[in-house]
């Protein structure tokens, strides 16, 4: 999420300036039929933040998403964090399709931005 050699991202409410997107390594997970049926533009979801400590380094880790689906940042050269540092925009398959979501970095609330019908490859 950052260029090699650059300083850590400055996110409000994140004292260690570290974050992860959850479930990115779990391609076999898919959204439930109920989640797919309720998916719509503007749908607001509660924060999914979870904090843990790395047992080897003692560093604090914050997982930002916790849906049982892939969630990942925008394409390589497109910033996922808005220029005002208020939102994180990301792709997620939580609806059963690849859609865009916006996470408010102040309170963790997630808002669905698209309702397309694109499957990940």
N, C-alpha and C. Protein backbone atom coordinates (compact mmCIF):
# COMPACT_ATOMS: atom_id res chain seq x y z
N UNK A 1 0.81 -1.18 0.00
CA UNK A 1 0.00 0.00 0.00
C UNK A 1 0.87 1.26 0.00
N UNK A 2 2.15 1.12 0.21
CA UNK A 2 2.99 2.31 0.17
C UNK A 2 4.21 2.02 -0.68
N UNK A 3 4.84 3.07 -1.17
CA UNK A 3 6.02 2.93 -2.01
C UNK A 3 7.21 2.53 -1.17
N UNK A 4 8.12 1.78 -1.77
CA UNK A 4 9.33 1.36 -1.08
C UNK A 4 10.08 2.58 -0.57
N UNK A 5 10.45 2.54 0.69
CA UNK A 5 11.23 3.62 1.28
C UNK A 5 10.43 4.81 1.74
N UNK A 6 9.12 4.78 1.55
CA UNK A 6 8.31 5.92 1.99
C UNK A 6 7.96 5.78 3.46
N UNK A 7 7.51 6.85 4.06
CA UNK A 7 7.12 6.80 5.45
C UNK A 7 5.76 6.12 5.58
N UNK A 8 5.42 5.60 6.77
CA UNK A 8 4.13 4.93 6.97
C UNK A 8 2.96 5.86 6.69
N UNK A 9 1.85 5.27 6.30
CA UNK A 9 0.63 6.05 6.06
C UNK A 9 0.17 6.70 7.35
N UNK A 10 -0.38 7.89 7.25
CA UNK A 10 -0.88 8.60 8.42
C UNK A 10 -2.40 8.51 8.43
N UNK A 11 -2.93 7.60 9.22
CA UNK A 11 -4.36 7.38 9.29
C UNK A 11 -4.89 7.82 10.64
N UNK A 12 -6.01 8.56 10.65
CA UNK A 12 -6.57 8.99 11.94
C UNK A 12 -7.04 7.78 12.75
N UNK A 13 -6.75 7.79 14.04
CA UNK A 13 -7.21 6.71 14.90
C UNK A 13 -6.34 5.47 14.87
N UNK A 14 -5.23 5.50 14.14
CA UNK A 14 -4.35 4.35 14.05
C UNK A 14 -3.00 4.75 14.64
N UNK A 15 -2.79 4.55 15.94
CA UNK A 15 -1.57 5.05 16.58
C UNK A 15 -0.29 4.49 16.00
N UNK A 16 -0.28 3.24 15.55
CA UNK A 16 0.96 2.66 15.03
C UNK A 16 1.04 2.77 13.51
N UNK A 17 0.02 3.32 12.88
CA UNK A 17 -0.01 3.55 11.45
C UNK A 17 0.17 2.26 10.65
N UNK A 18 -0.35 1.16 11.17
CA UNK A 18 -0.25 -0.12 10.49
C UNK A 18 -1.64 -0.68 10.27
N UNK A 19 -1.87 -1.31 9.14
CA UNK A 19 -3.16 -1.92 8.92
C UNK A 19 -3.07 -3.07 7.93
N UNK A 20 -4.08 -3.90 7.95
CA UNK A 20 -4.19 -5.05 7.06
C UNK A 20 -5.61 -5.12 6.53
N UNK A 21 -5.78 -5.71 5.38
CA UNK A 21 -7.11 -6.05 4.89
C UNK A 21 -7.31 -7.53 5.16
N UNK A 22 -8.45 -7.91 5.71
CA UNK A 22 -8.69 -9.28 6.11
C UNK A 22 -9.14 -10.19 5.01
N UNK A 23 -8.95 -11.47 5.20
CA UNK A 23 -9.42 -12.56 4.35
C UNK A 23 -8.89 -12.51 2.92
N UNK A 24 -7.83 -11.76 2.66
CA UNK A 24 -7.31 -11.67 1.30
C UNK A 24 -6.70 -12.98 0.82
N UNK A 25 -6.32 -13.83 1.74
CA UNK A 25 -5.71 -15.10 1.36
C UNK A 25 -6.70 -16.25 1.44
N UNK A 26 -7.97 -15.98 1.33
CA UNK A 26 -8.99 -17.02 1.46
C UNK A 26 -9.94 -17.03 0.27
N UNK A 27 -9.45 -17.35 -0.96
CA UNK A 27 -10.29 -17.27 -2.14
C UNK A 27 -11.45 -18.25 -2.14
N UNK A 28 -11.41 -19.29 -1.33
CA UNK A 28 -12.49 -20.27 -1.30
C UNK A 28 -13.73 -19.75 -0.56
N UNK A 29 -13.60 -18.68 0.18
CA UNK A 29 -14.72 -18.14 0.95
C UNK A 29 -15.62 -17.29 0.06
N UNK A 30 -16.92 -17.44 0.20
CA UNK A 30 -17.88 -16.66 -0.57
C UNK A 30 -18.96 -16.16 0.36
N UNK A 31 -19.60 -15.09 -0.04
CA UNK A 31 -20.67 -14.50 0.77
C UNK A 31 -21.87 -15.44 0.82
N UNK A 32 -22.62 -15.33 1.90
CA UNK A 32 -23.83 -16.14 2.05
C UNK A 32 -24.91 -15.62 1.11
N UNK A 33 -25.91 -16.45 0.79
CA UNK A 33 -27.02 -15.98 -0.05
C UNK A 33 -27.72 -14.76 0.56
N UNK A 34 -27.83 -14.70 1.88
CA UNK A 34 -28.47 -13.55 2.54
C UNK A 34 -27.67 -12.28 2.29
N UNK A 35 -26.35 -12.37 2.38
CA UNK A 35 -25.50 -11.19 2.14
C UNK A 35 -25.64 -10.73 0.70
N UNK A 36 -25.70 -11.66 -0.24
CA UNK A 36 -25.85 -11.31 -1.65
C UNK A 36 -27.19 -10.64 -1.90
N UNK A 37 -28.25 -11.16 -1.30
CA UNK A 37 -29.59 -10.60 -1.50
C UNK A 37 -29.71 -9.19 -0.95
N UNK A 38 -28.97 -8.88 0.13
CA UNK A 38 -29.06 -7.57 0.77
C UNK A 38 -28.05 -6.56 0.23
N UNK A 39 -27.20 -6.96 -0.73
CA UNK A 39 -26.17 -6.07 -1.25
C UNK A 39 -26.80 -4.98 -2.12
N UNK A 40 -26.48 -3.74 -1.80
CA UNK A 40 -26.97 -2.63 -2.62
C UNK A 40 -26.11 -1.40 -2.40
N UNK A 41 -26.10 -0.53 -3.40
CA UNK A 41 -25.33 0.71 -3.31
C UNK A 41 -25.85 1.51 -2.12
N UNK A 42 -24.93 2.01 -1.32
CA UNK A 42 -25.29 2.81 -0.16
C UNK A 42 -25.50 2.00 1.10
N UNK A 43 -25.50 0.68 1.00
CA UNK A 43 -25.66 -0.15 2.20
C UNK A 43 -24.51 0.14 3.16
N UNK A 44 -24.84 0.38 4.43
CA UNK A 44 -23.81 0.66 5.45
C UNK A 44 -23.63 -0.55 6.34
N UNK A 45 -22.39 -0.90 6.56
CA UNK A 45 -22.03 -2.04 7.40
C UNK A 45 -21.24 -1.53 8.60
N UNK A 46 -21.34 -2.19 9.73
CA UNK A 46 -20.59 -1.75 10.91
C UNK A 46 -19.09 -2.01 10.75
N UNK A 47 -18.31 -1.36 11.58
CA UNK A 47 -16.86 -1.55 11.57
C UNK A 47 -16.53 -3.02 11.83
N UNK A 48 -15.48 -3.49 11.19
CA UNK A 48 -15.02 -4.87 11.37
C UNK A 48 -13.62 -4.91 11.98
N UNK A 49 -13.15 -3.78 12.47
CA UNK A 49 -11.78 -3.69 12.99
C UNK A 49 -11.51 -4.73 14.06
N UNK A 50 -10.30 -5.26 14.01
CA UNK A 50 -9.85 -6.21 15.02
C UNK A 50 -8.36 -5.95 15.25
N UNK A 51 -7.97 -5.83 16.50
CA UNK A 51 -6.58 -5.56 16.84
C UNK A 51 -5.96 -6.80 17.47
N UNK A 52 -4.71 -7.07 17.11
CA UNK A 52 -3.97 -8.17 17.72
C UNK A 52 -2.50 -7.76 17.84
N UNK A 53 -1.72 -8.60 18.45
CA UNK A 53 -0.30 -8.32 18.64
C UNK A 53 0.50 -9.42 17.97
N UNK A 54 1.50 -9.02 17.19
CA UNK A 54 2.39 -9.98 16.54
C UNK A 54 3.22 -10.65 17.62
N UNK A 55 3.17 -11.99 17.74
CA UNK A 55 3.88 -12.68 18.82
C UNK A 55 5.40 -12.59 18.70
N UNK A 56 5.92 -12.42 17.49
CA UNK A 56 7.38 -12.36 17.31
C UNK A 56 7.95 -10.97 17.55
N UNK A 57 7.25 -9.94 17.10
CA UNK A 57 7.80 -8.58 17.20
C UNK A 57 7.14 -7.74 18.29
N UNK A 58 5.95 -8.16 18.74
CA UNK A 58 5.21 -7.38 19.72
C UNK A 58 4.49 -6.19 19.13
N UNK A 59 4.57 -6.01 17.82
CA UNK A 59 3.92 -4.87 17.16
C UNK A 59 2.42 -5.05 17.12
N UNK A 60 1.70 -3.95 17.20
CA UNK A 60 0.25 -3.97 17.14
C UNK A 60 -0.19 -4.06 15.68
N UNK A 61 -1.11 -4.98 15.40
CA UNK A 61 -1.67 -5.15 14.06
C UNK A 61 -3.15 -4.83 14.12
N UNK A 62 -3.66 -4.16 13.11
CA UNK A 62 -5.09 -3.88 13.05
C UNK A 62 -5.61 -4.41 11.72
N UNK A 63 -6.50 -5.38 11.80
CA UNK A 63 -7.16 -5.92 10.62
C UNK A 63 -8.39 -5.05 10.39
N UNK A 64 -8.52 -4.49 9.20
CA UNK A 64 -9.60 -3.55 8.93
C UNK A 64 -10.88 -4.22 8.47
N UNK A 65 -10.77 -5.33 7.74
CA UNK A 65 -11.96 -6.02 7.26
C UNK A 65 -11.99 -7.43 7.82
N UNK A 66 -13.18 -7.94 8.06
CA UNK A 66 -13.31 -9.27 8.64
C UNK A 66 -14.35 -10.13 7.96
N UNK A 67 -14.88 -9.70 6.82
CA UNK A 67 -15.88 -10.50 6.10
C UNK A 67 -15.24 -11.79 5.62
N UNK A 68 -16.05 -12.83 5.51
CA UNK A 68 -15.56 -14.11 5.02
C UNK A 68 -15.55 -14.09 3.50
N UNK A 69 -14.77 -13.14 2.96
CA UNK A 69 -14.64 -12.96 1.52
C UNK A 69 -13.34 -12.20 1.27
N UNK A 70 -12.86 -12.25 0.03
CA UNK A 70 -11.67 -11.48 -0.32
C UNK A 70 -11.96 -9.99 -0.22
N UNK A 71 -11.01 -9.24 0.34
CA UNK A 71 -11.03 -7.78 0.34
C UNK A 71 -9.62 -7.35 -0.02
N UNK A 72 -9.51 -6.40 -0.95
CA UNK A 72 -8.18 -6.02 -1.41
C UNK A 72 -8.18 -4.58 -1.89
N UNK A 73 -6.98 -3.93 -1.90
CA UNK A 73 -6.88 -2.52 -2.27
C UNK A 73 -7.15 -2.32 -3.76
N UNK A 74 -7.23 -1.06 -4.16
CA UNK A 74 -7.41 -0.73 -5.56
C UNK A 74 -6.18 -1.14 -6.37
N UNK A 75 -6.27 -1.03 -7.67
CA UNK A 75 -5.21 -1.43 -8.58
C UNK A 75 -3.89 -0.71 -8.27
N UNK A 76 -2.80 -1.30 -8.63
CA UNK A 76 -1.44 -0.89 -8.30
C UNK A 76 -1.16 0.59 -8.09
N UNK A 77 -1.46 1.42 -9.08
CA UNK A 77 -1.03 2.81 -9.03
C UNK A 77 -2.15 3.77 -8.64
N UNK A 78 -3.26 3.25 -8.17
CA UNK A 78 -4.40 4.08 -7.77
C UNK A 78 -4.44 4.07 -6.24
N UNK A 79 -4.30 5.22 -5.60
CA UNK A 79 -4.33 5.24 -4.13
C UNK A 79 -5.66 4.71 -3.59
N UNK A 80 -5.58 3.87 -2.57
CA UNK A 80 -6.79 3.34 -1.93
C UNK A 80 -7.30 4.28 -0.85
N UNK A 81 -6.45 5.16 -0.37
CA UNK A 81 -6.84 6.12 0.66
C UNK A 81 -7.11 7.46 -0.01
N UNK A 82 -8.25 8.05 0.30
CA UNK A 82 -8.61 9.33 -0.33
C UNK A 82 -7.63 10.42 0.08
N UNK A 83 -7.54 11.46 -0.73
CA UNK A 83 -6.55 12.52 -0.51
C UNK A 83 -6.72 13.24 0.83
N UNK A 84 -7.92 13.20 1.40
CA UNK A 84 -8.14 13.84 2.71
C UNK A 84 -7.91 12.86 3.87
N UNK A 85 -7.45 11.65 3.56
CA UNK A 85 -7.18 10.60 4.56
C UNK A 85 -8.41 10.18 5.35
N UNK A 86 -9.59 10.43 4.81
CA UNK A 86 -10.82 10.08 5.54
C UNK A 86 -11.32 8.68 5.23
N UNK A 87 -11.13 8.22 4.00
CA UNK A 87 -11.69 6.94 3.58
C UNK A 87 -10.64 6.01 2.97
N UNK A 88 -10.88 4.73 3.10
CA UNK A 88 -10.15 3.69 2.41
C UNK A 88 -11.13 3.08 1.42
N UNK A 89 -10.81 3.12 0.13
CA UNK A 89 -11.66 2.52 -0.90
C UNK A 89 -11.04 1.19 -1.28
N UNK A 90 -11.85 0.13 -1.30
CA UNK A 90 -11.32 -1.20 -1.57
C UNK A 90 -12.34 -2.05 -2.31
N UNK A 91 -11.82 -3.11 -2.94
CA UNK A 91 -12.67 -4.11 -3.57
C UNK A 91 -13.00 -5.17 -2.53
N UNK A 92 -14.18 -5.75 -2.63
CA UNK A 92 -14.52 -6.88 -1.77
C UNK A 92 -15.51 -7.77 -2.50
N UNK A 93 -15.46 -9.05 -2.18
CA UNK A 93 -16.38 -10.03 -2.75
C UNK A 93 -17.44 -10.44 -1.75
N UNK A 94 -17.67 -9.61 -0.74
CA UNK A 94 -18.60 -9.94 0.34
C UNK A 94 -20.04 -10.07 -0.13
N UNK A 95 -20.39 -9.50 -1.27
CA UNK A 95 -21.76 -9.61 -1.80
C UNK A 95 -21.91 -10.82 -2.72
N UNK A 96 -20.80 -11.52 -2.96
CA UNK A 96 -20.81 -12.61 -3.92
C UNK A 96 -20.26 -12.16 -5.27
N UNK A 97 -20.07 -10.86 -5.43
CA UNK A 97 -19.53 -10.24 -6.63
C UNK A 97 -18.41 -9.30 -6.21
N UNK A 98 -17.57 -8.88 -7.15
CA UNK A 98 -16.52 -7.91 -6.84
C UNK A 98 -17.17 -6.52 -6.90
N UNK A 99 -17.22 -5.85 -5.78
CA UNK A 99 -17.78 -4.50 -5.70
C UNK A 99 -16.81 -3.59 -4.97
N UNK A 100 -17.02 -2.28 -5.11
CA UNK A 100 -16.23 -1.28 -4.40
C UNK A 100 -16.94 -0.90 -3.11
N UNK A 101 -16.13 -0.68 -2.07
CA UNK A 101 -16.63 -0.26 -0.76
C UNK A 101 -15.76 0.88 -0.27
N UNK A 102 -16.31 1.68 0.62
CA UNK A 102 -15.59 2.80 1.22
C UNK A 102 -15.65 2.64 2.74
N UNK A 103 -14.49 2.62 3.37
CA UNK A 103 -14.41 2.52 4.83
C UNK A 103 -14.07 3.89 5.40
N UNK A 104 -14.86 4.35 6.34
CA UNK A 104 -14.58 5.60 7.05
C UNK A 104 -13.48 5.30 8.05
N UNK A 105 -12.33 5.94 7.92
CA UNK A 105 -11.19 5.64 8.78
C UNK A 105 -11.31 6.25 10.18
N UNK A 106 -12.35 7.03 10.41
CA UNK A 106 -12.59 7.56 11.75
C UNK A 106 -13.41 6.60 12.60
N UNK A 107 -14.43 5.97 12.00
CA UNK A 107 -15.29 5.08 12.79
C UNK A 107 -15.36 3.65 12.26
N UNK A 108 -14.75 3.36 11.11
CA UNK A 108 -14.71 2.01 10.58
C UNK A 108 -15.93 1.59 9.77
N UNK A 109 -16.96 2.45 9.71
CA UNK A 109 -18.17 2.10 8.96
C UNK A 109 -17.83 1.88 7.49
N UNK A 110 -18.45 0.86 6.90
CA UNK A 110 -18.20 0.49 5.51
C UNK A 110 -19.46 0.77 4.70
N UNK A 111 -19.31 1.43 3.55
CA UNK A 111 -20.43 1.74 2.67
C UNK A 111 -20.17 1.10 1.31
N UNK A 112 -21.17 0.40 0.79
CA UNK A 112 -21.05 -0.20 -0.54
C UNK A 112 -21.22 0.88 -1.59
N UNK A 113 -20.30 0.93 -2.57
CA UNK A 113 -20.31 1.97 -3.60
C UNK A 113 -20.85 1.48 -4.95
N UNK A 114 -20.73 0.19 -5.23
CA UNK A 114 -21.19 -0.35 -6.51
C UNK A 114 -22.02 -1.61 -6.27
N UNK A 115 -22.80 -1.97 -7.27
CA UNK A 115 -23.57 -3.21 -7.22
C UNK A 115 -23.47 -3.88 -8.58
N UNK A 116 -22.25 -4.18 -8.99
CA UNK A 116 -22.01 -4.78 -10.30
C UNK A 116 -22.15 -6.28 -10.27
N UNK A 117 -21.88 -6.87 -11.36
CA UNK A 117 -21.94 -8.32 -11.47
C UNK A 117 -20.65 -8.84 -12.07
N UNK A 118 -19.53 -8.45 -11.44
CA UNK A 118 -18.20 -8.87 -11.91
C UNK A 118 -17.67 -9.93 -10.97
N UNK A 119 -17.27 -11.06 -11.51
CA UNK A 119 -16.66 -12.12 -10.70
C UNK A 119 -15.14 -11.96 -10.78
N UNK A 120 -14.46 -12.34 -9.72
CA UNK A 120 -13.00 -12.31 -9.77
C UNK A 120 -12.56 -13.53 -10.55
N UNK A 121 -11.40 -13.43 -11.14
CA UNK A 121 -10.89 -14.55 -11.98
C UNK A 121 -10.16 -15.56 -11.17
